[in-house]
């Protein structure tokens, strides 16, 4: 999950990048270092290589490529993005994945966060209000269950900016929320991230080749993430918004469409 807080700063020195984390995000540096170390062993070339870790910052190699956010995303990019994430999900053998802590912002954590935000909800228009009402009604009867669970190593952030295209392949950055997860949940998070549709629709879920059970689980979790983003976007500053005008209303429509309401 990503929110609107600043969580780190990047410092480049030659071919190295040092990522320094804000004090308000406990465990972020450890998760990033763990992820880069594991990927260097089990999926070399997919992510930056770890160089140094001092407890609060991670130094890693700089990798070539332009962030996909803000570019024209074509079919070849979507296929490469899905290939990179699928490689990430399957990178760790079972024994290694079993020992990785569960990623922050699991489905139960997100559901709890939504309920807390709902308790303090301030109306932001009829469409958003309807989406909140319908979303909470669905959430009260929803249980994630275990059907369609395929264990995976999860990146923890579906931002389109974390996919770097070098002209022939996609590589991945930003693992401060990485951890043990499942494929359907990770696909849902990527598919519903606001960056995937606010500037131009990028439909990536179908590129993963999910099983029918995984597809059902993904649809359920897309509803959850869409509802989460509705509350996140409702906090966007009216004076200096981070997203184009009308984004909240469009998100409300996504929530309602996902619920079939």
C-alpha atoms as a PDB file:
ATOM      1  CA  UNK A   1       0.000   0.000   0.000  1.00  0.00           C
ATOM      2  CA  UNK A   2       1.205   3.485  -0.722  1.00  0.00           C
ATOM      3  CA  UNK A   3      -0.176   6.653   0.759  1.00  0.00           C
ATOM      4  CA  UNK A   4       0.536  10.347   0.441  1.00  0.00           C
ATOM      5  CA  UNK A   5       3.414  10.539   2.922  1.00  0.00           C
ATOM      6  CA  UNK A   6       7.039  11.160   2.048  1.00  0.00           C
ATOM      7  CA  UNK A   7       8.865   8.029   3.206  1.00  0.00           C
ATOM      8  CA  UNK A   8      12.422   8.382   1.891  1.00  0.00           C
ATOM      9  CA  UNK A   9      15.006  10.429   0.019  1.00  0.00           C
ATOM     10  CA  UNK A  10      17.350   9.248  -2.715  1.00  0.00           C
ATOM     11  CA  UNK A  11      20.989  10.276  -3.060  1.00  0.00           C
ATOM     12  CA  UNK A  12      22.984   9.284  -6.143  1.00  0.00           C
ATOM     13  CA  UNK A  13      26.765   8.969  -6.162  1.00  0.00           C
ATOM     14  CA  UNK A  14      28.058   7.651  -9.455  1.00  0.00           C
ATOM     15  CA  UNK A  15      26.479   4.268 -10.127  1.00  0.00           C
ATOM     16  CA  UNK A  16      25.159   3.903  -6.587  1.00  0.00           C
ATOM     17  CA  UNK A  17      21.870   5.034  -5.060  1.00  0.00           C
ATOM     18  CA  UNK A  18      21.408   5.473  -1.316  1.00  0.00           C
ATOM     19  CA  UNK A  19      17.850   5.378  -0.065  1.00  0.00           C
ATOM     20  CA  UNK A  20      17.370   7.030   3.331  1.00  0.00           C
ATOM     21  CA  UNK A  21      14.129   6.385   5.127  1.00  0.00           C
ATOM     22  CA  UNK A  22      11.961   8.669   7.200  1.00  0.00           C
ATOM     23  CA  UNK A  23      11.750   7.896  10.909  1.00  0.00           C
ATOM     24  CA  UNK A  24       7.986   7.457  10.636  1.00  0.00           C
ATOM     25  CA  UNK A  25       8.153   4.194   8.705  1.00  0.00           C
ATOM     26  CA  UNK A  26       9.579   1.497  10.996  1.00  0.00           C
ATOM     27  CA  UNK A  27      11.125  -1.527   9.319  1.00  0.00           C
ATOM     28  CA  UNK A  28      11.228  -0.019   5.823  1.00  0.00           C
ATOM     29  CA  UNK A  29      15.003  -0.135   5.472  1.00  0.00           C
ATOM     30  CA  UNK A  30      15.144  -3.721   6.740  1.00  0.00           C
ATOM     31  CA  UNK A  31      12.449  -4.827   4.293  1.00  0.00           C
ATOM     32  CA  UNK A  32      14.197  -3.142   1.360  1.00  0.00           C
ATOM     33  CA  UNK A  33      17.557  -4.696   2.260  1.00  0.00           C
ATOM     34  CA  UNK A  34      16.022  -8.140   2.751  1.00  0.00           C
ATOM     35  CA  UNK A  35      14.221  -7.956  -0.582  1.00  0.00           C
ATOM     36  CA  UNK A  36      17.260  -6.811  -2.551  1.00  0.00           C
ATOM     37  CA  UNK A  37      19.451  -9.464  -0.918  1.00  0.00           C
ATOM     38  CA  UNK A  38      16.981 -12.251  -1.655  1.00  0.00           C
ATOM     39  CA  UNK A  39      16.408 -11.105  -5.230  1.00  0.00           C
ATOM     40  CA  UNK A  40      20.144 -10.820  -5.908  1.00  0.00           C
ATOM     41  CA  UNK A  41      20.372 -14.508  -5.006  1.00  0.00           C
ATOM     42  CA  UNK A  42      17.177 -15.881  -6.518  1.00  0.00           C
ATOM     43  CA  UNK A  43      16.296 -13.462  -9.367  1.00  0.00           C
ATOM     44  CA  UNK A  44      19.485 -11.631 -10.366  1.00  0.00           C
ATOM     45  CA  UNK A  45      18.994  -8.679 -12.695  1.00  0.00           C
ATOM     46  CA  UNK A  46      15.376  -8.066 -11.724  1.00  0.00           C
ATOM     47  CA  UNK A  47      16.137  -5.332  -9.178  1.00  0.00           C
ATOM     48  CA  UNK A  48      19.070  -3.217  -7.972  1.00  0.00           C
ATOM     49  CA  UNK A  49      21.869  -5.113  -6.266  1.00  0.00           C
ATOM     50  CA  UNK A  50      22.359  -4.492  -2.538  1.00  0.00           C
ATOM     51  CA  UNK A  51      25.626  -2.813  -1.570  1.00  0.00           C
ATOM     52  CA  UNK A  52      25.420  -1.563   2.023  1.00  0.00           C
ATOM     53  CA  UNK A  53      22.963  -1.278   4.905  1.00  0.00           C
ATOM     54  CA  UNK A  54      23.436   0.776   8.066  1.00  0.00           C
ATOM     55  CA  UNK A  55      20.064   0.275   9.730  1.00  0.00           C
ATOM     56  CA  UNK A  56      18.438   3.455   8.392  1.00  0.00           C
ATOM     57  CA  UNK A  57      19.554   3.563   4.771  1.00  0.00           C
ATOM     58  CA  UNK A  58      20.186   1.131   1.936  1.00  0.00           C
ATOM     59  CA  UNK A  59      22.815   1.619  -0.744  1.00  0.00           C
ATOM     60  CA  UNK A  60      22.184  -0.201  -4.007  1.00  0.00           C
ATOM     61  CA  UNK A  61      23.320  -0.180  -7.607  1.00  0.00           C
ATOM     62  CA  UNK A  62      21.620   2.170 -10.040  1.00  0.00           C
ATOM     63  CA  UNK A  63      19.797   0.371 -12.824  1.00  0.00           C
ATOM     64  CA  UNK A  64      19.042   1.750 -16.267  1.00  0.00           C
ATOM     65  CA  UNK A  65      15.515   2.433 -17.364  1.00  0.00           C
ATOM     66  CA  UNK A  66      12.791   5.047 -17.361  1.00  0.00           C
ATOM     67  CA  UNK A  67       9.854   4.880 -14.931  1.00  0.00           C
ATOM     68  CA  UNK A  68       6.712   3.827 -16.780  1.00  0.00           C
ATOM     69  CA  UNK A  69       4.564   6.461 -15.093  1.00  0.00           C
ATOM     70  CA  UNK A  70       4.134   9.459 -17.349  1.00  0.00           C
ATOM     71  CA  UNK A  71       4.917   7.514 -20.525  1.00  0.00           C
ATOM     72  CA  UNK A  72       2.721   5.937 -23.176  1.00  0.00           C
ATOM     73  CA  UNK A  73       2.220   2.381 -21.944  1.00  0.00           C
ATOM     74  CA  UNK A  74       1.831   0.012 -24.878  1.00  0.00           C
ATOM     75  CA  UNK A  75       1.020  -3.684 -25.039  1.00  0.00           C
ATOM     76  CA  UNK A  76       4.707  -4.660 -25.079  1.00  0.00           C
ATOM     77  CA  UNK A  77       5.239  -2.698 -21.865  1.00  0.00           C
ATOM     78  CA  UNK A  78       2.286  -4.336 -20.130  1.00  0.00           C
ATOM     79  CA  UNK A  79       3.562  -7.795 -21.070  1.00  0.00           C
ATOM     80  CA  UNK A  80       7.039  -6.945 -19.773  1.00  0.00           C
ATOM     81  CA  UNK A  81       5.626  -5.475 -16.566  1.00  0.00           C
ATOM     82  CA  UNK A  82       3.593  -8.602 -15.887  1.00  0.00           C
ATOM     83  CA  UNK A  83       6.589 -10.802 -16.707  1.00  0.00           C
ATOM     84  CA  UNK A  84       8.757  -8.908 -14.224  1.00  0.00           C
ATOM     85  CA  UNK A  85       6.195  -9.064 -11.447  1.00  0.00           C
ATOM     86  CA  UNK A  86       5.454 -12.744 -12.107  1.00  0.00           C
ATOM     87  CA  UNK A  87       9.174 -13.450 -11.854  1.00  0.00           C
ATOM     88  CA  UNK A  88       9.232 -11.565  -8.561  1.00  0.00           C
ATOM     89  CA  UNK A  89       6.256 -13.510  -7.192  1.00  0.00           C
ATOM     90  CA  UNK A  90       7.869 -16.853  -8.002  1.00  0.00           C
ATOM     91  CA  UNK A  91      11.480 -15.871  -7.223  1.00  0.00           C
ATOM     92  CA  UNK A  92      11.861 -17.449  -3.802  1.00  0.00           C
ATOM     93  CA  UNK A  93      11.787 -21.204  -3.192  1.00  0.00           C
ATOM     94  CA  UNK A  94       9.279 -22.290  -0.579  1.00  0.00           C
ATOM     95  CA  UNK A  95      11.815 -22.603   2.220  1.00  0.00           C
ATOM     96  CA  UNK A  96      13.117 -19.078   1.714  1.00  0.00           C
ATOM     97  CA  UNK A  97       9.648 -17.555   1.280  1.00  0.00           C
ATOM     98  CA  UNK A  98       8.360 -19.267   4.421  1.00  0.00           C
ATOM     99  CA  UNK A  99      10.945 -17.401   6.496  1.00  0.00           C
ATOM    100  CA  UNK A 100      10.046 -13.962   5.071  1.00  0.00           C
ATOM    101  CA  UNK A 101       7.697 -11.880   7.261  1.00  0.00           C
ATOM    102  CA  UNK A 102       4.239 -11.160   5.897  1.00  0.00           C
ATOM    103  CA  UNK A 103       4.237  -7.890   3.988  1.00  0.00           C
ATOM    104  CA  UNK A 104       2.766  -4.763   5.594  1.00  0.00           C
ATOM    105  CA  UNK A 105      -0.754  -3.842   4.541  1.00  0.00           C
ATOM    106  CA  UNK A 106      -2.098  -7.327   4.036  1.00  0.00           C
ATOM    107  CA  UNK A 107      -5.780  -7.717   3.142  1.00  0.00           C
ATOM    108  CA  UNK A 108      -6.885  -7.756   6.780  1.00  0.00           C
ATOM    109  CA  UNK A 109      -4.790  -4.670   7.573  1.00  0.00           C
ATOM    110  CA  UNK A 110      -6.280  -2.784   4.613  1.00  0.00           C
ATOM    111  CA  UNK A 111      -9.808  -3.799   5.593  1.00  0.00           C
ATOM    112  CA  UNK A 112      -9.231  -2.531   9.131  1.00  0.00           C
ATOM    113  CA  UNK A 113      -7.771   0.734   7.822  1.00  0.00           C
ATOM    114  CA  UNK A 114     -10.820   1.254   5.599  1.00  0.00           C
ATOM    115  CA  UNK A 115     -13.191   0.759   8.525  1.00  0.00           C
ATOM    116  CA  UNK A 116     -11.294   3.308  10.595  1.00  0.00           C
ATOM    117  CA  UNK A 117     -11.335   5.832   7.770  1.00  0.00           C
ATOM    118  CA  UNK A 118     -15.026   5.200   7.203  1.00  0.00           C
ATOM    119  CA  UNK A 119     -15.766   6.145  10.813  1.00  0.00           C
ATOM    120  CA  UNK A 120     -14.379   9.624  10.123  1.00  0.00           C
ATOM    121  CA  UNK A 121     -15.706   9.942   6.558  1.00  0.00           C
ATOM    122  CA  UNK A 122     -16.632  13.443   5.435  1.00  0.00           C
ATOM    123  CA  UNK A 123     -19.023  13.597   2.453  1.00  0.00           C
ATOM    124  CA  UNK A 124     -17.289  14.501  -0.821  1.00  0.00           C
ATOM    125  CA  UNK A 125     -20.177  14.402  -3.273  1.00  0.00           C
ATOM    126  CA  UNK A 126     -23.070  12.012  -4.001  1.00  0.00           C
ATOM    127  CA  UNK A 127     -21.123   9.584  -6.195  1.00  0.00           C
ATOM    128  CA  UNK A 128     -18.341   9.164  -3.659  1.00  0.00           C
ATOM    129  CA  UNK A 129     -20.913   8.809  -0.898  1.00  0.00           C
ATOM    130  CA  UNK A 130     -22.718   6.082  -2.793  1.00  0.00           C
ATOM    131  CA  UNK A 131     -19.432   4.279  -3.434  1.00  0.00           C
ATOM    132  CA  UNK A 132     -18.552   4.421   0.273  1.00  0.00           C
ATOM    133  CA  UNK A 133     -21.970   3.080   1.277  1.00  0.00           C
ATOM    134  CA  UNK A 134     -21.891   0.246  -1.252  1.00  0.00           C
ATOM    135  CA  UNK A 135     -18.251  -0.535  -0.509  1.00  0.00           C
ATOM    136  CA  UNK A 136     -18.786  -0.779   3.235  1.00  0.00           C
ATOM    137  CA  UNK A 137     -21.861  -2.944   2.723  1.00  0.00           C
ATOM    138  CA  UNK A 138     -19.752  -5.333   0.638  1.00  0.00           C
ATOM    139  CA  UNK A 139     -16.871  -5.223   3.123  1.00  0.00           C
ATOM    140  CA  UNK A 140     -19.076  -6.256   6.032  1.00  0.00           C
ATOM    141  CA  UNK A 141     -19.977  -9.505   4.278  1.00  0.00           C
ATOM    142  CA  UNK A 142     -16.563 -10.186   2.750  1.00  0.00           C
ATOM    143  CA  UNK A 143     -14.057 -12.746   3.966  1.00  0.00           C
ATOM    144  CA  UNK A 144     -10.809 -13.306   2.042  1.00  0.00           C
ATOM    145  CA  UNK A 145     -10.707 -17.062   2.636  1.00  0.00           C
ATOM    146  CA  UNK A 146      -7.968 -19.325   1.300  1.00  0.00           C
ATOM    147  CA  UNK A 147      -9.355 -20.263  -2.115  1.00  0.00           C
ATOM    148  CA  UNK A 148      -7.003 -19.226  -4.904  1.00  0.00           C
ATOM    149  CA  UNK A 149      -4.053 -18.507  -2.605  1.00  0.00           C
ATOM    150  CA  UNK A 150      -0.728 -18.984  -4.355  1.00  0.00           C
ATOM    151  CA  UNK A 151       2.154 -17.955  -2.077  1.00  0.00           C
ATOM    152  CA  UNK A 152       4.304 -15.178  -3.520  1.00  0.00           C
ATOM    153  CA  UNK A 153       7.017 -12.715  -2.696  1.00  0.00           C
ATOM    154  CA  UNK A 154       5.258  -9.359  -2.900  1.00  0.00           C
ATOM    155  CA  UNK A 155       6.712  -5.952  -3.763  1.00  0.00           C
ATOM    156  CA  UNK A 156       4.212  -4.102  -1.592  1.00  0.00           C
ATOM    157  CA  UNK A 157       3.671  -1.147  -3.928  1.00  0.00           C
ATOM    158  CA  UNK A 158       1.935  -1.182  -7.301  1.00  0.00           C
ATOM    159  CA  UNK A 159       2.989   2.290  -8.423  1.00  0.00           C
ATOM    160  CA  UNK A 160       3.626   2.434 -12.171  1.00  0.00           C
ATOM    161  CA  UNK A 161       6.725   4.517 -11.400  1.00  0.00           C
ATOM    162  CA  UNK A 162       8.360   1.441  -9.865  1.00  0.00           C
ATOM    163  CA  UNK A 163       8.509  -0.318 -13.241  1.00  0.00           C
ATOM    164  CA  UNK A 164      11.646   0.726 -15.164  1.00  0.00           C
ATOM    165  CA  UNK A 165      11.694   0.117 -18.923  1.00  0.00           C
ATOM    166  CA  UNK A 166      15.137  -0.010 -20.540  1.00  0.00           C
ATOM    167  CA  UNK A 167      13.940  -0.521 -24.097  1.00  0.00           C
ATOM    168  CA  UNK A 168      13.689  -4.290 -23.983  1.00  0.00           C
ATOM    169  CA  UNK A 169      12.657  -5.343 -20.472  1.00  0.00           C
ATOM    170  CA  UNK A 170      11.199  -4.086 -17.212  1.00  0.00           C
ATOM    171  CA  UNK A 171      13.014  -4.130 -13.906  1.00  0.00           C
ATOM    172  CA  UNK A 172      11.643  -3.270 -10.487  1.00  0.00           C
ATOM    173  CA  UNK A 173      12.466  -0.823  -7.706  1.00  0.00           C
ATOM    174  CA  UNK A 174      11.044   0.141  -4.298  1.00  0.00           C
ATOM    175  CA  UNK A 175      10.749  -2.741  -1.861  1.00  0.00           C
ATOM    176  CA  UNK A 176      10.239  -0.947   1.441  1.00  0.00           C
ATOM    177  CA  UNK A 177       6.898  -2.756   1.916  1.00  0.00           C
ATOM    178  CA  UNK A 178       7.985  -6.091   0.445  1.00  0.00           C
ATOM    179  CA  UNK A 179       7.195  -9.383   2.120  1.00  0.00           C
ATOM    180  CA  UNK A 180       5.362 -12.681   1.950  1.00  0.00           C
ATOM    181  CA  UNK A 181       2.020 -12.398   0.184  1.00  0.00           C
ATOM    182  CA  UNK A 182      -0.057 -14.190  -2.450  1.00  0.00           C
ATOM    183  CA  UNK A 183      -0.240 -13.757  -6.210  1.00  0.00           C
ATOM    184  CA  UNK A 184      -3.858 -12.624  -6.435  1.00  0.00           C
ATOM    185  CA  UNK A 185      -3.431  -9.959  -3.775  1.00  0.00           C
ATOM    186  CA  UNK A 186      -0.307  -8.591  -5.454  1.00  0.00           C
ATOM    187  CA  UNK A 187      -1.946  -8.513  -8.895  1.00  0.00           C
ATOM    188  CA  UNK A 188      -4.973  -6.726  -7.448  1.00  0.00           C
ATOM    189  CA  UNK A 189      -2.806  -4.090  -5.796  1.00  0.00           C
ATOM    190  CA  UNK A 190      -0.979  -3.346  -9.039  1.00  0.00           C
ATOM    191  CA  UNK A 191      -4.152  -3.335 -11.131  1.00  0.00           C
ATOM    192  CA  UNK A 192      -5.993  -0.898  -8.850  1.00  0.00           C
ATOM    193  CA  UNK A 193      -3.138   1.489  -8.092  1.00  0.00           C
ATOM    194  CA  UNK A 194      -4.231   4.986  -9.090  1.00  0.00           C
ATOM    195  CA  UNK A 195      -1.146   5.362 -11.309  1.00  0.00           C
ATOM    196  CA  UNK A 196      -2.469   2.560 -13.538  1.00  0.00           C
ATOM    197  CA  UNK A 197      -5.458   4.524 -14.764  1.00  0.00           C
ATOM    198  CA  UNK A 198      -5.315   8.215 -13.825  1.00  0.00           C
ATOM    199  CA  UNK A 199      -3.270   9.217 -16.895  1.00  0.00           C
ATOM    200  CA  UNK A 200      -4.418   6.436 -19.214  1.00  0.00           C
ATOM    201  CA  UNK A 201      -5.945   3.026 -18.602  1.00  0.00           C
ATOM    202  CA  UNK A 202      -3.383   0.248 -18.105  1.00  0.00           C
ATOM    203  CA  UNK A 203      -5.115  -3.106 -17.666  1.00  0.00           C
ATOM    204  CA  UNK A 204      -2.445  -5.495 -16.451  1.00  0.00           C
ATOM    205  CA  UNK A 205      -4.298  -8.202 -14.523  1.00  0.00           C
ATOM    206  CA  UNK A 206      -5.166 -10.269 -17.614  1.00  0.00           C
ATOM    207  CA  UNK A 207      -1.469 -10.441 -18.585  1.00  0.00           C
ATOM    208  CA  UNK A 208      -0.575 -12.660 -15.620  1.00  0.00           C
ATOM    209  CA  UNK A 209      -2.207 -15.871 -16.822  1.00  0.00           C
ATOM    210  CA  UNK A 210      -4.035 -16.473 -13.550  1.00  0.00           C
ATOM    211  CA  UNK A 211      -5.927 -19.657 -12.770  1.00  0.00           C
ATOM    212  CA  UNK A 212      -9.731 -19.383 -12.414  1.00  0.00           C
ATOM    213  CA  UNK A 213      -9.385 -19.521  -8.622  1.00  0.00           C
ATOM    214  CA  UNK A 214      -6.725 -16.799  -8.666  1.00  0.00           C
ATOM    215  CA  UNK A 215      -8.891 -14.675 -10.954  1.00  0.00           C
ATOM    216  CA  UNK A 216     -11.789 -14.841  -8.497  1.00  0.00           C
ATOM    217  CA  UNK A 217      -9.523 -13.931  -5.601  1.00  0.00           C
ATOM    218  CA  UNK A 218      -8.021 -11.079  -7.632  1.00  0.00           C
ATOM    219  CA  UNK A 219     -11.470  -9.630  -8.372  1.00  0.00           C
ATOM    220  CA  UNK A 220     -12.313  -9.634  -4.677  1.00  0.00           C
ATOM    221  CA  UNK A 221      -9.074  -7.928  -3.764  1.00  0.00           C
ATOM    222  CA  UNK A 222      -9.459  -5.381  -6.538  1.00  0.00           C
ATOM    223  CA  UNK A 223     -12.668  -4.317  -4.817  1.00  0.00           C
ATOM    224  CA  UNK A 224     -10.768  -3.948  -1.567  1.00  0.00           C
ATOM    225  CA  UNK A 225      -7.988  -1.869  -3.118  1.00  0.00           C
ATOM    226  CA  UNK A 226     -10.415   0.276  -5.096  1.00  0.00           C
ATOM    227  CA  UNK A 227     -12.242   1.115  -1.877  1.00  0.00           C
ATOM    228  CA  UNK A 228      -8.941   1.870  -0.138  1.00  0.00           C
ATOM    229  CA  UNK A 229      -7.989   4.287  -2.915  1.00  0.00           C
ATOM    230  CA  UNK A 230     -11.345   6.009  -2.637  1.00  0.00           C
ATOM    231  CA  UNK A 231     -10.516   6.964   0.944  1.00  0.00           C
ATOM    232  CA  UNK A 232      -6.914   7.870   0.082  1.00  0.00           C
ATOM    233  CA  UNK A 233      -8.015  10.149  -2.744  1.00  0.00           C
ATOM    234  CA  UNK A 234     -10.662  11.782  -0.588  1.00  0.00           C
ATOM    235  CA  UNK A 235      -7.752  13.191   1.465  1.00  0.00           C
ATOM    236  CA  UNK A 236      -6.179  14.869  -1.569  1.00  0.00           C
ATOM    237  CA  UNK A 237      -5.660  18.572  -0.911  1.00  0.00           C
ATOM    238  CA  UNK A 238      -8.184  20.795  -2.674  1.00  0.00           C
ATOM    239  CA  UNK A 239      -5.635  23.625  -2.821  1.00  0.00           C
ATOM    240  CA  UNK A 240      -2.740  21.583  -4.253  1.00  0.00           C
ATOM    241  CA  UNK A 241      -4.098  18.231  -5.466  1.00  0.00           C
ATOM    242  CA  UNK A 242      -1.689  15.460  -6.409  1.00  0.00           C
ATOM    243  CA  UNK A 243      -4.019  14.136  -9.110  1.00  0.00           C
ATOM    244  CA  UNK A 244      -6.059  15.660 -11.968  1.00  0.00           C
ATOM    245  CA  UNK A 245      -9.468  17.210 -11.247  1.00  0.00           C
ATOM    246  CA  UNK A 246     -12.209  14.607 -11.100  1.00  0.00           C
ATOM    247  CA  UNK A 247      -9.955  11.759  -9.924  1.00  0.00           C
ATOM    248  CA  UNK A 248     -12.037  11.108  -6.803  1.00  0.00           C
ATOM    249  CA  UNK A 249     -15.238  10.908  -8.858  1.00  0.00           C
ATOM    250  CA  UNK A 250     -13.571   8.526 -11.306  1.00  0.00           C
ATOM    251  CA  UNK A 251     -12.399   6.392  -8.388  1.00  0.00           C
ATOM    252  CA  UNK A 252     -15.954   6.274  -7.051  1.00  0.00           C
ATOM    253  CA  UNK A 253     -17.080   4.986 -10.442  1.00  0.00           C
ATOM    254  CA  UNK A 254     -14.372   2.298 -10.315  1.00  0.00           C
ATOM    255  CA  UNK A 255     -15.564   1.180  -6.896  1.00  0.00           C
ATOM    256  CA  UNK A 256     -19.175   0.975  -8.039  1.00  0.00           C
ATOM    257  CA  UNK A 257     -18.269  -0.801 -11.287  1.00  0.00           C
ATOM    258  CA  UNK A 258     -16.183  -3.354  -9.410  1.00  0.00           C
ATOM    259  CA  UNK A 259     -19.075  -4.020  -7.053  1.00  0.00           C
ATOM    260  CA  UNK A 260     -21.575  -4.235  -9.911  1.00  0.00           C
ATOM    261  CA  UNK A 261     -23.562  -1.464  -8.234  1.00  0.00           C
END
